[in-house]
């Protein structure tokens, strides 16, 4: 994977929301910031560092990117362009495969919590309107 490496400088954009580029990244050095934007509002979602990964959804779906990712300081990234490359990488790196499953399960659990919170909020609004 050594030849599949990219370098980014501080504040340089790695991924822009709305793009259709299909690539997953693994952080070899440095940190990245993941943000969502809604008009002029910016929400910091996460800061990821060495050994973390992002952009994996693009490997599995045809959806445009949902978030922005920018470098914090100098960043060195490995990248994977498609499912077959990911599959080969995971077979050769079972510890990373286990980590990826764990991280994806955690992200799904966090998404479930957000969704349940929104459902409860809608339920409360409906109850208030029904009064």
Protein backbone atom coordinates (compact mmCIF):
# COMPACT_ATOMS: atom_id res chain seq x y z
CA UNK A 1 0.00 0.00 0.00
CA UNK A 2 3.08 2.28 0.21
CA UNK A 3 2.56 3.64 -3.31
CA UNK A 4 -1.09 4.41 -2.55
CA UNK A 5 -0.27 7.35 -0.28
CA UNK A 6 -1.41 10.98 -0.37
CA UNK A 7 -0.15 14.01 1.56
CA UNK A 8 -2.19 17.01 2.72
CA UNK A 9 -1.21 20.28 4.38
CA UNK A 10 -2.99 22.00 7.29
CA UNK A 11 -6.60 22.99 6.47
CA UNK A 12 -6.41 21.35 3.05
CA UNK A 13 -9.73 19.78 2.04
CA UNK A 14 -9.58 16.01 1.56
CA UNK A 15 -13.29 15.34 0.97
CA UNK A 16 -16.07 17.80 0.15
CA UNK A 17 -19.72 17.05 0.87
CA UNK A 18 -21.65 16.37 -2.32
CA UNK A 19 -18.72 14.84 -4.22
CA UNK A 20 -19.25 11.46 -5.84
CA UNK A 21 -15.61 10.34 -5.55
CA UNK A 22 -15.29 6.77 -4.24
CA UNK A 23 -12.31 6.39 -1.97
CA UNK A 24 -11.69 5.28 1.60
CA UNK A 25 -8.75 6.67 3.56
CA UNK A 26 -6.61 5.35 6.40
CA UNK A 27 -4.67 7.89 8.44
CA UNK A 28 -0.96 7.02 8.55
CA UNK A 29 0.18 10.30 10.15
CA UNK A 30 -1.56 13.39 11.48
CA UNK A 31 -5.21 14.19 12.19
CA UNK A 32 -8.31 15.11 10.21
CA UNK A 33 -11.48 16.98 11.12
CA UNK A 34 -14.87 15.77 9.90
CA UNK A 35 -17.59 18.40 9.62
CA UNK A 36 -21.15 18.72 8.39
CA UNK A 37 -22.54 21.98 7.04
CA UNK A 38 -26.09 23.24 6.74
CA UNK A 39 -26.01 26.56 4.98
CA UNK A 40 -23.76 28.75 7.11
CA UNK A 41 -23.80 26.40 10.11
CA UNK A 42 -20.82 24.08 10.62
CA UNK A 43 -20.97 21.07 12.96
CA UNK A 44 -17.74 19.39 14.04
CA UNK A 45 -18.48 15.67 13.97
CA UNK A 46 -15.12 14.13 14.84
CA UNK A 47 -11.36 14.45 14.90
CA UNK A 48 -9.61 11.29 13.75
CA UNK A 49 -5.95 10.35 14.07
CA UNK A 50 -3.34 7.77 13.17
CA UNK A 51 -4.84 4.35 12.48
CA UNK A 52 -8.37 5.71 12.02
CA UNK A 53 -10.27 5.55 8.74
CA UNK A 54 -12.94 7.56 6.94
CA UNK A 55 -14.80 7.65 3.65
CA UNK A 56 -15.68 3.95 3.84
CA UNK A 57 -19.35 4.50 3.00
CA UNK A 58 -18.34 5.43 -0.55
CA UNK A 59 -16.91 1.94 -1.04
CA UNK A 60 -20.32 0.40 -0.29
CA UNK A 61 -22.80 2.87 -1.80
CA UNK A 62 -23.38 5.17 -4.75
CA UNK A 63 -24.29 8.12 -2.54
CA UNK A 64 -22.49 11.45 -2.67
CA UNK A 65 -20.22 12.37 0.23
CA UNK A 66 -22.20 13.59 3.25
CA UNK A 67 -19.38 15.33 5.14
CA UNK A 68 -16.33 17.49 4.67
CA UNK A 69 -12.91 16.27 5.79
CA UNK A 70 -9.93 18.59 6.25
CA UNK A 71 -6.34 18.08 7.39
CA UNK A 72 -5.27 19.27 10.83
CA UNK A 73 -1.57 19.89 10.37
CA UNK A 74 0.34 17.75 7.89
CA UNK A 75 -1.45 14.49 7.09
CA UNK A 76 -0.34 11.30 5.36
CA UNK A 77 -3.11 9.00 4.12
CA UNK A 78 -3.30 5.59 2.48
CA UNK A 79 -6.29 5.09 0.22
CA UNK A 80 -8.47 2.29 -1.11
CA UNK A 81 -10.50 2.83 -4.27
CA UNK A 82 -12.99 -0.04 -4.39
CA UNK A 83 -14.52 -2.99 -2.58
CA UNK A 84 -12.11 -5.53 -4.06
CA UNK A 85 -9.09 -3.55 -2.82
CA UNK A 86 -10.72 -3.22 0.60
CA UNK A 87 -11.44 -6.95 0.74
CA UNK A 88 -7.82 -7.80 -0.13
CA UNK A 89 -6.53 -5.30 2.42
CA UNK A 90 -8.76 -6.69 5.19
CA UNK A 91 -7.72 -10.29 4.43
CA UNK A 92 -4.05 -9.26 4.72
CA UNK A 93 -4.71 -7.17 7.84
CA UNK A 94 -7.11 -9.05 10.15
CA UNK A 95 -6.43 -6.75 13.12
CA UNK A 96 -7.53 -3.78 11.04
CA UNK A 97 -10.58 -5.76 9.88
CA UNK A 98 -11.57 -6.37 13.51
CA UNK A 99 -11.02 -2.69 14.33
CA UNK A 100 -13.12 -1.64 11.33
CA UNK A 101 -16.04 -3.84 12.40
CA UNK A 102 -15.84 -2.43 15.94
CA UNK A 103 -15.69 1.20 14.76
CA UNK A 104 -18.56 0.73 12.31
CA UNK A 105 -20.68 -0.90 15.03
CA UNK A 106 -19.95 2.07 17.34
CA UNK A 107 -20.87 4.56 14.61
CA UNK A 108 -24.12 2.68 13.95
CA UNK A 109 -24.96 2.66 17.68
CA UNK A 110 -24.35 6.44 17.85
CA UNK A 111 -26.56 6.95 14.81
CA UNK A 112 -29.29 4.84 16.45
CA UNK A 113 -29.12 7.04 19.57
CA UNK A 114 -29.47 10.19 17.48
CA UNK A 115 -32.39 8.70 15.56
CA UNK A 116 -34.18 7.62 18.75
CA UNK A 117 -33.67 11.09 20.19
CA UNK A 118 -35.24 12.65 17.09
CA UNK A 119 -38.18 10.21 17.24
CA UNK A 120 -38.76 11.10 20.91
CA UNK A 121 -38.55 14.80 20.04
CA UNK A 122 -41.14 14.39 17.29
CA UNK A 123 -43.36 12.42 19.65
CA UNK A 124 -43.17 15.23 22.27
CA UNK A 125 -44.02 17.84 19.61
CA UNK A 126 -47.01 15.77 18.50
CA UNK A 127 -48.22 15.43 22.10
CA UNK A 128 -47.97 19.20 22.62
CA UNK A 129 -49.90 19.86 19.41
CA UNK A 130 -52.61 17.38 20.46
CA UNK A 131 -53.20 19.20 23.77
